[in-house]
Protein backbone atom coordinates (compact mmCIF):
# COMPACT_ATOMS: atom_id res chain seq x y z
CA UNK A 1 30.74 13.92 -18.71
CA UNK A 2 27.56 15.24 -16.87
CA UNK A 3 24.15 14.01 -18.25
CA UNK A 4 21.97 16.67 -19.77
CA UNK A 5 18.76 17.38 -18.11
CA UNK A 6 16.42 15.72 -20.70
CA UNK A 7 18.41 12.33 -20.12
CA UNK A 8 17.74 12.73 -16.55
CA UNK A 9 13.87 13.52 -16.98
CA UNK A 10 13.72 10.23 -19.27
CA UNK A 11 15.49 8.16 -16.56
CA UNK A 12 13.39 9.66 -13.88
CA UNK A 13 10.05 8.90 -16.33
CA UNK A 14 11.06 5.40 -16.53
CA UNK A 15 11.65 4.96 -12.89
CA UNK A 16 8.34 6.34 -12.16
CA UNK A 17 6.63 3.78 -14.55
CA UNK A 18 8.76 0.96 -12.88
CA UNK A 19 7.51 2.25 -9.44
CA UNK A 20 3.71 2.36 -10.68
CA UNK A 21 4.36 -1.27 -12.15
CA UNK A 22 5.72 -2.62 -8.98
CA UNK A 23 3.21 -0.93 -6.84
CA UNK A 24 0.29 -2.47 -8.83
CA UNK A 25 1.96 -5.95 -8.66
CA UNK A 26 2.18 -5.72 -4.91
CA UNK A 27 -1.46 -4.01 -4.51
CA UNK A 28 -2.84 -6.96 -6.44
CA UNK A 29 -0.92 -9.81 -4.71
CA UNK A 30 -2.00 -8.28 -1.31
CA UNK A 31 -5.61 -7.74 -2.53
CA UNK A 32 -5.99 -11.24 -3.66
CA UNK A 33 -4.81 -12.44 -0.52
CA UNK A 34 -6.92 -10.28 1.40
CA UNK A 35 -10.18 -11.58 -0.80
CA UNK A 36 -8.98 -15.34 -0.14
CA UNK A 37 -8.90 -14.47 3.77
CA UNK A 38 -12.50 -13.09 3.44
CA UNK A 39 -11.96 -9.53 3.82
CA UNK A 40 -13.79 -8.47 0.88
CA UNK A 41 -17.18 -9.69 2.88
CA UNK A 42 -16.38 -7.64 5.62
CA UNK A 43 -17.82 -4.01 6.30
CA UNK A 44 -15.11 -2.19 7.93
CA UNK A 45 -14.17 1.55 7.76
CA UNK A 46 -11.20 2.12 5.65
CA UNK A 47 -9.18 3.86 8.35
CA UNK A 48 -9.71 0.81 10.63
CA UNK A 49 -8.71 -1.47 7.89
CA UNK A 50 -5.60 0.44 7.46
CA UNK A 51 -4.70 0.46 10.90
CA UNK A 52 -4.92 -3.25 10.96
CA UNK A 53 -2.70 -3.78 7.86
CA UNK A 54 -0.32 -1.37 9.64
CA UNK A 55 -0.31 -3.86 12.59
CA UNK A 56 0.23 -6.61 10.22
CA UNK A 57 3.23 -5.11 8.57
CA UNK A 58 4.70 -4.20 11.86
CA UNK A 59 4.22 -8.04 13.20
CA UNK A 60 5.99 -9.06 10.41
CA UNK A 61 8.69 -6.65 10.39
CA UNK A 62 9.32 -7.47 14.00
CA UNK A 63 7.91 -4.41 15.57
CA UNK A 64 5.51 -3.95 18.36
CA UNK A 65 1.86 -4.16 17.53
CA UNK A 66 -0.96 -1.73 18.91
CA UNK A 67 -3.21 -3.62 20.99
CA UNK A 68 -6.40 -1.09 20.44
CA UNK A 69 -8.28 -1.85 17.53
CA UNK A 70 -9.42 1.76 17.00
CA UNK A 71 -8.88 4.25 14.51
CA UNK A 72 -5.53 5.95 14.12
CA UNK A 73 -4.99 9.90 13.89
CA UNK A 74 -4.31 11.55 10.41
CA UNK A 75 -0.94 11.65 9.24
CA UNK A 76 0.31 8.73 11.30
CA UNK A 77 2.08 5.45 9.53
CA UNK A 78 2.36 7.19 6.25
CA UNK A 79 5.08 4.71 5.02
CA UNK A 80 2.92 1.53 5.03
CA UNK A 81 -0.53 3.40 4.68
CA UNK A 82 0.05 3.59 0.85
CA UNK A 83 0.58 -0.03 0.44
CA UNK A 84 -2.73 -0.65 2.51
CA UNK A 85 -4.64 1.77 0.53
CA UNK A 86 -3.19 0.09 -2.57
CA UNK A 87 -4.25 -3.44 -1.12
CA UNK A 88 -7.90 -2.02 -0.64
CA UNK A 89 -7.88 -0.61 -3.99
CA UNK A 90 -6.83 -3.44 -5.36
CA UNK A 91 -9.36 -5.63 -3.91
CA UNK A 92 -12.46 -3.06 -4.51
CA UNK A 93 -11.47 -2.10 -8.25
CA UNK A 94 -8.91 -4.70 -9.47
CA UNK A 95 -6.37 -1.43 -10.13
CA UNK A 96 -4.15 0.09 -7.88
CA UNK A 97 -3.97 3.90 -7.37
CA UNK A 98 -0.27 5.25 -7.57
């Protein structure tokens, strides 16, 4: 039997809540580690910090790392960008943006 649309909407809402909670936990964890490493004391532009986080993610995933430390163009690395933004948001305000 097919599910009614209202039941599907309820399931989607529950999954969105679970996703938000998981992203918050991940952002808080990464934020704590970043603060322990001293990143909270360094003044760096967010795009540059995001690029560094993307390079770090590639390193741990086994991908190639960019050697240039500059800024990235808009729209690149979107998949890991949200994690990096959440991490910087968690370290700055104690909450994640989702």
